[in-house]
Amino acid sequence: MQFIASVAVEGPPQRAVSMLRDALIANAFTITEAGQTGFKATGPGMTSTNQNAIRGVSTATVRAEGNVIHVAAELGGAAWIGRFAVLFPLSLGVLLAMVFGMLWWPKHRDAVIVPLLVAAPWLLLGPLMARTVRRRTEQAIEALLQSAASISRIK
């Protein structure tokens, strides 16, 4: 999943780029390329929805062109959490249905249905959760850009 955002800055764009770099470093990102007008960073990944939403970014490219800052982000962490939220509960339900089926098939055939019923809501909840994580990550990028633009105005 790709996300692209831009913001105009009133002050020196190098200050905004520096602020963005520092914010990403504070969130355990590694700067893989750096230059006068931008940088490329690789994120640590997202393993929980309780982490900072910016960790949903797997790679980010920040560059300044004139007085506009552009960010192109690959949302690999958000995509991973989204896939996990969909696949894990469904896989667990199918696995438990198979186990219950092997243990109780002759006498209690209805026992197979229970894990599937428990997993069924995740057909809706998983994609909803995936969209929420993606939206939070996109909002975190936009908020970071707006903060950088505000900081660049300070003299």
N, C-alpha and C. Protein backbone atom coordinates (compact mmCIF):
# COMPACT_ATOMS: atom_id res chain seq x y z
N MET A 1 0.85 -1.18 0.00
CA MET A 1 0.00 0.00 0.00
C MET A 1 0.89 1.23 0.00
N GLN A 2 0.63 2.11 -0.90
CA GLN A 2 1.41 3.33 -1.05
C GLN A 2 0.58 4.53 -0.58
N PHE A 3 1.23 5.48 0.08
CA PHE A 3 0.57 6.71 0.49
C PHE A 3 1.50 7.87 0.16
N ILE A 4 0.95 8.89 -0.49
CA ILE A 4 1.75 10.06 -0.88
C ILE A 4 1.08 11.30 -0.32
N ALA A 5 1.87 12.17 0.29
CA ALA A 5 1.34 13.41 0.85
C ALA A 5 2.37 14.52 0.64
N SER A 6 1.88 15.75 0.59
CA SER A 6 2.75 16.91 0.42
C SER A 6 2.23 18.05 1.29
N VAL A 7 3.13 18.94 1.65
CA VAL A 7 2.74 20.13 2.40
C VAL A 7 3.68 21.27 2.01
N ALA A 8 3.11 22.46 1.92
CA ALA A 8 3.91 23.66 1.63
C ALA A 8 4.45 24.21 2.94
N VAL A 9 5.70 24.63 2.92
CA VAL A 9 6.32 25.21 4.10
C VAL A 9 6.65 26.67 3.82
N GLU A 10 6.55 27.50 4.86
CA GLU A 10 6.84 28.92 4.71
C GLU A 10 8.29 29.24 5.03
N GLY A 11 8.89 28.48 5.90
CA GLY A 11 10.28 28.70 6.28
C GLY A 11 11.21 27.83 5.46
N PRO A 12 12.44 27.69 5.95
CA PRO A 12 13.40 26.85 5.23
C PRO A 12 12.97 25.38 5.26
N PRO A 13 12.89 24.75 4.09
CA PRO A 13 12.44 23.35 4.05
C PRO A 13 13.42 22.40 4.74
N GLN A 14 14.70 22.77 4.83
CA GLN A 14 15.68 21.90 5.49
C GLN A 14 15.31 21.69 6.96
N ARG A 15 14.74 22.71 7.59
CA ARG A 15 14.34 22.59 9.00
C ARG A 15 13.20 21.57 9.12
N ALA A 16 12.25 21.63 8.21
CA ALA A 16 11.13 20.69 8.23
C ALA A 16 11.61 19.26 7.94
N VAL A 17 12.51 19.11 6.97
CA VAL A 17 13.06 17.78 6.65
C VAL A 17 13.82 17.24 7.86
N SER A 18 14.57 18.09 8.54
CA SER A 18 15.31 17.68 9.72
C SER A 18 14.37 17.23 10.84
N MET A 19 13.27 17.96 11.02
CA MET A 19 12.29 17.59 12.03
C MET A 19 11.65 16.24 11.72
N LEU A 20 11.32 16.02 10.45
CA LEU A 20 10.75 14.73 10.04
C LEU A 20 11.74 13.59 10.29
N ARG A 21 12.99 13.83 9.94
CA ARG A 21 14.02 12.80 10.15
C ARG A 21 14.15 12.47 11.63
N ASP A 22 14.19 13.50 12.49
CA ASP A 22 14.32 13.28 13.93
C ASP A 22 13.10 12.53 14.50
N ALA A 23 11.91 12.86 14.01
CA ALA A 23 10.70 12.19 14.50
C ALA A 23 10.70 10.72 14.10
N LEU A 24 11.14 10.42 12.90
CA LEU A 24 11.19 9.02 12.48
C LEU A 24 12.27 8.25 13.23
N ILE A 25 13.41 8.87 13.46
CA ILE A 25 14.47 8.22 14.23
C ILE A 25 13.98 7.91 15.64
N ALA A 26 13.21 8.83 16.23
CA ALA A 26 12.67 8.62 17.58
C ALA A 26 11.70 7.44 17.62
N ASN A 27 11.14 7.07 16.48
CA ASN A 27 10.23 5.93 16.41
C ASN A 27 10.92 4.69 15.85
N ALA A 28 12.23 4.61 16.01
CA ALA A 28 13.05 3.44 15.67
C ALA A 28 13.21 3.21 14.17
N PHE A 29 13.04 4.25 13.36
CA PHE A 29 13.31 4.13 11.93
C PHE A 29 14.81 4.24 11.70
N THR A 30 15.29 3.63 10.63
CA THR A 30 16.69 3.69 10.24
C THR A 30 16.77 4.53 8.98
N ILE A 31 17.66 5.52 8.98
CA ILE A 31 17.86 6.35 7.79
C ILE A 31 18.79 5.57 6.87
N THR A 32 18.30 5.23 5.68
CA THR A 32 19.10 4.43 4.75
C THR A 32 19.80 5.29 3.70
N GLU A 33 19.22 6.44 3.39
CA GLU A 33 19.84 7.39 2.46
C GLU A 33 19.56 8.79 2.98
N ALA A 34 20.54 9.66 2.84
CA ALA A 34 20.34 11.03 3.29
C ALA A 34 21.02 11.99 2.32
N GLY A 35 20.40 13.12 2.14
CA GLY A 35 20.94 14.16 1.27
C GLY A 35 20.55 15.53 1.80
N GLN A 36 20.88 16.55 1.04
CA GLN A 36 20.58 17.92 1.44
C GLN A 36 19.07 18.18 1.46
N THR A 37 18.37 17.61 0.51
CA THR A 37 16.96 17.95 0.37
C THR A 37 16.01 16.82 0.73
N GLY A 38 16.53 15.74 1.32
CA GLY A 38 15.64 14.66 1.70
C GLY A 38 16.37 13.45 2.22
N PHE A 39 15.60 12.42 2.47
CA PHE A 39 16.17 11.17 2.99
C PHE A 39 15.20 10.03 2.73
N LYS A 40 15.70 8.82 2.94
CA LYS A 40 14.88 7.62 2.86
C LYS A 40 15.05 6.89 4.18
N ALA A 41 13.94 6.42 4.74
CA ALA A 41 13.97 5.75 6.04
C ALA A 41 13.24 4.43 5.95
N THR A 42 13.71 3.46 6.74
CA THR A 42 13.08 2.15 6.83
C THR A 42 12.58 1.96 8.25
N GLY A 43 11.32 1.56 8.36
CA GLY A 43 10.70 1.42 9.68
C GLY A 43 10.90 0.05 10.29
N PRO A 44 10.69 -0.04 11.60
CA PRO A 44 10.85 -1.30 12.31
C PRO A 44 9.69 -2.26 12.13
N GLY A 45 8.59 -1.78 11.59
CA GLY A 45 7.40 -2.61 11.43
C GLY A 45 6.43 -2.40 12.57
N MET A 46 5.24 -2.87 12.35
CA MET A 46 4.17 -2.73 13.34
C MET A 46 3.73 -4.12 13.74
N THR A 47 3.76 -4.41 15.04
CA THR A 47 3.36 -5.73 15.51
C THR A 47 2.15 -5.67 16.42
N SER A 48 1.64 -4.46 16.67
CA SER A 48 0.50 -4.30 17.55
C SER A 48 -0.23 -3.01 17.21
N THR A 49 -1.51 -2.99 17.44
CA THR A 49 -2.27 -1.76 17.20
C THR A 49 -2.07 -0.76 18.33
N ASN A 50 -1.39 -1.17 19.40
CA ASN A 50 -1.10 -0.26 20.51
C ASN A 50 0.15 0.58 20.27
N GLN A 51 0.88 0.32 19.21
CA GLN A 51 2.08 1.09 18.91
C GLN A 51 1.72 2.40 18.22
N ASN A 52 2.70 3.29 18.16
CA ASN A 52 2.52 4.55 17.45
C ASN A 52 2.13 4.24 16.01
N ALA A 53 1.12 4.93 15.51
CA ALA A 53 0.60 4.66 14.17
C ALA A 53 1.64 4.88 13.07
N ILE A 54 2.62 5.73 13.31
CA ILE A 54 3.65 6.00 12.29
C ILE A 54 4.45 4.74 11.99
N ARG A 55 4.44 3.77 12.91
CA ARG A 55 5.17 2.51 12.69
C ARG A 55 4.50 1.64 11.64
N GLY A 56 3.33 2.03 11.16
CA GLY A 56 2.69 1.34 10.05
C GLY A 56 3.41 1.58 8.74
N VAL A 57 4.34 2.53 8.73
CA VAL A 57 5.14 2.84 7.55
C VAL A 57 6.35 1.90 7.53
N SER A 58 6.54 1.18 6.41
CA SER A 58 7.71 0.32 6.32
C SER A 58 8.89 1.07 5.68
N THR A 59 8.64 1.87 4.66
CA THR A 59 9.67 2.74 4.09
C THR A 59 9.05 4.09 3.77
N ALA A 60 9.84 5.12 3.97
CA ALA A 60 9.37 6.48 3.68
C ALA A 60 10.47 7.22 2.93
N THR A 61 10.06 7.94 1.91
CA THR A 61 10.98 8.80 1.17
C THR A 61 10.49 10.22 1.34
N VAL A 62 11.34 11.07 1.91
CA VAL A 62 11.00 12.47 2.15
C VAL A 62 11.92 13.31 1.29
N ARG A 63 11.33 14.26 0.55
CA ARG A 63 12.16 15.16 -0.25
C ARG A 63 11.52 16.55 -0.29
N ALA A 64 12.38 17.54 -0.35
CA ALA A 64 11.94 18.92 -0.44
C ALA A 64 12.21 19.42 -1.85
N GLU A 65 11.19 19.99 -2.47
CA GLU A 65 11.32 20.61 -3.79
C GLU A 65 10.80 22.03 -3.65
N GLY A 66 11.70 22.98 -3.68
CA GLY A 66 11.30 24.37 -3.44
C GLY A 66 10.84 24.49 -2.00
N ASN A 67 9.64 25.01 -1.83
CA ASN A 67 9.13 25.08 -0.46
C ASN A 67 7.94 24.12 -0.26
N VAL A 68 8.03 22.96 -0.89
CA VAL A 68 7.04 21.89 -0.71
C VAL A 68 7.79 20.63 -0.28
N ILE A 69 7.27 20.00 0.77
CA ILE A 69 7.85 18.75 1.26
C ILE A 69 6.94 17.61 0.79
N HIS A 70 7.53 16.59 0.18
CA HIS A 70 6.79 15.43 -0.30
C HIS A 70 7.19 14.20 0.51
N VAL A 71 6.20 13.39 0.86
CA VAL A 71 6.46 12.12 1.53
C VAL A 71 5.77 11.02 0.73
N ALA A 72 6.54 10.02 0.36
CA ALA A 72 6.00 8.81 -0.27
C ALA A 72 6.28 7.68 0.71
N ALA A 73 5.22 7.05 1.19
CA ALA A 73 5.37 6.02 2.21
C ALA A 73 4.76 4.71 1.75
N GLU A 74 5.47 3.65 2.02
CA GLU A 74 4.95 2.30 1.81
C GLU A 74 4.40 1.84 3.15
N LEU A 75 3.13 1.50 3.21
CA LEU A 75 2.46 1.15 4.47
C LEU A 75 2.51 -0.36 4.72
N GLY A 76 3.70 -0.90 4.73
CA GLY A 76 3.88 -2.35 4.91
C GLY A 76 3.48 -2.84 6.28
N GLY A 77 3.77 -2.07 7.32
CA GLY A 77 3.38 -2.47 8.68
C GLY A 77 1.88 -2.49 8.85
N ALA A 78 1.21 -1.49 8.30
CA ALA A 78 -0.25 -1.44 8.37
C ALA A 78 -0.86 -2.60 7.57
N ALA A 79 -0.26 -2.92 6.44
CA ALA A 79 -0.76 -4.04 5.62
C ALA A 79 -0.59 -5.36 6.36
N TRP A 80 0.55 -5.52 7.07
CA TRP A 80 0.80 -6.76 7.81
C TRP A 80 -0.23 -6.94 8.92
N ILE A 81 -0.47 -5.88 9.69
CA ILE A 81 -1.47 -5.95 10.76
C ILE A 81 -2.84 -6.27 10.17
N GLY A 82 -3.15 -5.67 9.03
CA GLY A 82 -4.43 -5.93 8.39
C GLY A 82 -4.59 -7.38 7.97
N ARG A 83 -3.55 -7.94 7.36
CA ARG A 83 -3.61 -9.35 6.96
C ARG A 83 -3.73 -10.26 8.19
N PHE A 84 -2.98 -9.94 9.23
CA PHE A 84 -3.01 -10.73 10.45
C PHE A 84 -4.41 -10.70 11.07
N ALA A 85 -5.03 -9.52 11.10
CA ALA A 85 -6.36 -9.37 11.71
C ALA A 85 -7.41 -10.17 10.95
N VAL A 86 -7.20 -10.40 9.69
CA VAL A 86 -8.15 -11.18 8.90
C VAL A 86 -7.82 -12.67 8.97
N LEU A 87 -6.59 -13.03 8.73
CA LEU A 87 -6.22 -14.44 8.58
C LEU A 87 -6.11 -15.23 9.88
N PHE A 88 -5.58 -14.62 10.93
CA PHE A 88 -5.35 -15.37 12.17
C PHE A 88 -6.65 -15.90 12.79
N PRO A 89 -7.65 -15.04 13.04
CA PRO A 89 -8.87 -15.58 13.66
C PRO A 89 -9.57 -16.62 12.79
N LEU A 90 -9.58 -16.40 11.48
CA LEU A 90 -10.23 -17.37 10.59
C LEU A 90 -9.48 -18.69 10.57
N SER A 91 -8.15 -18.62 10.52
CA SER A 91 -7.34 -19.84 10.53
C SER A 91 -7.51 -20.60 11.84
N LEU A 92 -7.54 -19.85 12.93
CA LEU A 92 -7.73 -20.48 14.23
C LEU A 92 -9.10 -21.16 14.31
N GLY A 93 -10.13 -20.52 13.80
CA GLY A 93 -11.46 -21.12 13.79
C GLY A 93 -11.51 -22.41 12.98
N VAL A 94 -10.89 -22.40 11.81
CA VAL A 94 -10.87 -23.60 10.97
C VAL A 94 -10.06 -24.71 11.65
N LEU A 95 -8.92 -24.36 12.23
CA LEU A 95 -8.10 -25.36 12.93
C LEU A 95 -8.86 -25.98 14.10
N LEU A 96 -9.50 -25.14 14.91
CA LEU A 96 -10.26 -25.67 16.04
C LEU A 96 -11.44 -26.52 15.59
N ALA A 97 -12.08 -26.13 14.49
CA ALA A 97 -13.18 -26.93 13.96
C ALA A 97 -12.68 -28.32 13.54
N MET A 98 -11.49 -28.36 12.93
CA MET A 98 -10.92 -29.65 12.53
C MET A 98 -10.59 -30.51 13.75
N VAL A 99 -10.00 -29.88 14.78
CA VAL A 99 -9.65 -30.62 16.00
C VAL A 99 -10.91 -31.13 16.68
N PHE A 100 -11.90 -30.26 16.86
CA PHE A 100 -13.15 -30.69 17.49
C PHE A 100 -13.83 -31.78 16.66
N GLY A 101 -13.75 -31.65 15.35
CA GLY A 101 -14.35 -32.66 14.48
C GLY A 101 -13.70 -34.01 14.66
N MET A 102 -12.37 -34.03 14.78
CA MET A 102 -11.68 -35.31 14.96
C MET A 102 -11.96 -35.90 16.34
N LEU A 103 -12.10 -35.05 17.35
CA LEU A 103 -12.31 -35.56 18.70
C LEU A 103 -13.74 -36.02 18.95
N TRP A 104 -14.72 -35.27 18.44
CA TRP A 104 -16.10 -35.53 18.83
C TRP A 104 -17.04 -35.83 17.67
N TRP A 105 -16.53 -36.20 16.53
CA TRP A 105 -17.39 -36.34 15.36
C TRP A 105 -18.54 -37.34 15.54
N PRO A 106 -18.27 -38.54 16.00
CA PRO A 106 -19.39 -39.49 16.01
C PRO A 106 -20.55 -39.05 16.90
N LYS A 107 -20.27 -38.53 18.08
CA LYS A 107 -21.34 -38.22 19.03
C LYS A 107 -21.84 -36.77 18.95
N HIS A 108 -20.92 -35.82 18.79
CA HIS A 108 -21.28 -34.40 18.89
C HIS A 108 -20.88 -33.67 17.60
N ARG A 109 -21.60 -33.87 16.58
CA ARG A 109 -21.27 -33.25 15.29
C ARG A 109 -21.39 -31.73 15.33
N ASP A 110 -22.26 -31.22 16.19
CA ASP A 110 -22.45 -29.77 16.29
C ASP A 110 -21.24 -29.05 16.89
N ALA A 111 -20.36 -29.79 17.55
CA ALA A 111 -19.17 -29.17 18.16
C ALA A 111 -18.26 -28.54 17.10
N VAL A 112 -18.35 -29.00 15.88
CA VAL A 112 -17.52 -28.46 14.79
C VAL A 112 -17.96 -27.04 14.43
N ILE A 113 -19.23 -26.77 14.60
CA ILE A 113 -19.77 -25.47 14.19
C ILE A 113 -19.37 -24.35 15.14
N VAL A 114 -19.18 -24.65 16.41
CA VAL A 114 -18.91 -23.62 17.41
C VAL A 114 -17.68 -22.77 17.07
N PRO A 115 -16.50 -23.36 16.77
CA PRO A 115 -15.35 -22.52 16.43
C PRO A 115 -15.58 -21.68 15.17
N LEU A 116 -16.33 -22.24 14.22
CA LEU A 116 -16.62 -21.47 13.01
C LEU A 116 -17.53 -20.29 13.31
N LEU A 117 -18.48 -20.47 14.22
CA LEU A 117 -19.35 -19.36 14.61
C LEU A 117 -18.57 -18.28 15.37
N VAL A 118 -17.62 -18.72 16.18
CA VAL A 118 -16.79 -17.75 16.91
C VAL A 118 -15.91 -16.96 15.94
N ALA A 119 -15.41 -17.60 14.89
CA ALA A 119 -14.54 -16.93 13.92
C ALA A 119 -15.32 -16.09 12.91
N ALA A 120 -16.59 -16.36 12.72
CA ALA A 120 -17.39 -15.69 11.69
C ALA A 120 -17.40 -14.16 11.80
N PRO A 121 -17.52 -13.56 12.99
CA PRO A 121 -17.53 -12.10 13.05
C PRO A 121 -16.24 -11.46 12.51
N TRP A 122 -15.16 -12.22 12.51
CA TRP A 122 -13.89 -11.68 12.02
C TRP A 122 -13.89 -11.48 10.51
N LEU A 123 -14.87 -12.06 9.82
CA LEU A 123 -15.02 -11.77 8.39
C LEU A 123 -15.34 -10.28 8.19
N LEU A 124 -16.00 -9.67 9.16
CA LEU A 124 -16.30 -8.23 9.12
C LEU A 124 -15.29 -7.42 9.93
N LEU A 125 -14.94 -7.93 11.12
CA LEU A 125 -14.05 -7.18 12.00
C LEU A 125 -12.63 -7.06 11.46
N GLY A 126 -12.12 -8.10 10.82
CA GLY A 126 -10.75 -8.09 10.30
C GLY A 126 -10.53 -6.98 9.27
N PRO A 127 -11.34 -6.91 8.20
CA PRO A 127 -11.17 -5.83 7.23
C PRO A 127 -11.42 -4.44 7.83
N LEU A 128 -12.37 -4.35 8.77
CA LEU A 128 -12.61 -3.07 9.44
C LEU A 128 -11.39 -2.63 10.23
N MET A 129 -10.80 -3.57 10.94
CA MET A 129 -9.59 -3.28 11.71
C MET A 129 -8.44 -2.90 10.78
N ALA A 130 -8.31 -3.58 9.66
CA ALA A 130 -7.25 -3.28 8.69
C ALA A 130 -7.40 -1.85 8.16
N ARG A 131 -8.64 -1.47 7.82
CA ARG A 131 -8.88 -0.10 7.33
C ARG A 131 -8.57 0.94 8.40
N THR A 132 -8.91 0.63 9.64
CA THR A 132 -8.65 1.56 10.74
C THR A 132 -7.16 1.76 10.94
N VAL A 133 -6.39 0.69 10.91
CA VAL A 133 -4.93 0.81 11.08
C VAL A 133 -4.34 1.62 9.93
N ARG A 134 -4.78 1.37 8.71
CA ARG A 134 -4.28 2.13 7.56
C ARG A 134 -4.62 3.61 7.70
N ARG A 135 -5.87 3.91 8.07
CA ARG A 135 -6.30 5.31 8.22
C ARG A 135 -5.50 6.01 9.32
N ARG A 136 -5.26 5.32 10.43
CA ARG A 136 -4.47 5.91 11.52
C ARG A 136 -3.04 6.20 11.07
N THR A 137 -2.47 5.30 10.27
CA THR A 137 -1.11 5.50 9.77
C THR A 137 -1.07 6.70 8.81
N GLU A 138 -2.04 6.80 7.93
CA GLU A 138 -2.10 7.94 7.00
C GLU A 138 -2.28 9.25 7.76
N GLN A 139 -3.13 9.25 8.79
CA GLN A 139 -3.33 10.46 9.60
C GLN A 139 -2.07 10.83 10.36
N ALA A 140 -1.31 9.84 10.81
CA ALA A 140 -0.06 10.11 11.52
C ALA A 140 0.96 10.76 10.58
N ILE A 141 1.02 10.30 9.33
CA ILE A 141 1.93 10.91 8.35
C ILE A 141 1.53 12.35 8.09
N GLU A 142 0.22 12.58 7.89
CA GLU A 142 -0.25 13.94 7.62
C GLU A 142 -0.01 14.86 8.81
N ALA A 143 -0.23 14.37 10.03
CA ALA A 143 0.01 15.18 11.23
C ALA A 143 1.49 15.51 11.37
N LEU A 144 2.34 14.55 11.07
CA LEU A 144 3.79 14.78 11.14
C LEU A 144 4.21 15.83 10.11
N LEU A 145 3.64 15.76 8.92
CA LEU A 145 3.94 16.76 7.89
C LEU A 145 3.47 18.15 8.31
N GLN A 146 2.27 18.25 8.87
CA GLN A 146 1.75 19.55 9.31
C GLN A 146 2.61 20.11 10.44
N SER A 147 3.06 19.26 11.34
CA SER A 147 3.95 19.71 12.42
C SER A 147 5.27 20.23 11.87
N ALA A 148 5.80 19.52 10.89
CA ALA A 148 7.06 19.94 10.26
C ALA A 148 6.88 21.29 9.59
N ALA A 149 5.76 21.49 8.92
CA ALA A 149 5.49 22.78 8.26
C ALA A 149 5.38 23.89 9.29
N SER A 150 4.75 23.62 10.41
CA SER A 150 4.62 24.62 11.48
C SER A 150 5.97 24.96 12.09
N ILE A 151 6.79 23.95 12.31
CA ILE A 151 8.11 24.18 12.92
C ILE A 151 9.00 24.98 11.96
N SER A 152 8.85 24.79 10.67
CA SER A 152 9.71 25.51 9.73
C SER A 152 9.41 27.00 9.74
N ARG A 153 8.22 27.41 10.20
CA ARG A 153 7.87 28.84 10.28
C ARG A 153 8.54 29.55 11.44
N ILE A 154 8.91 28.81 12.48
CA ILE A 154 9.52 29.42 13.67
C ILE A 154 10.88 29.97 13.32
N LYS A 155 11.10 31.21 13.71
CA LYS A 155 12.41 31.84 13.40
C LYS A 155 13.30 31.89 14.60
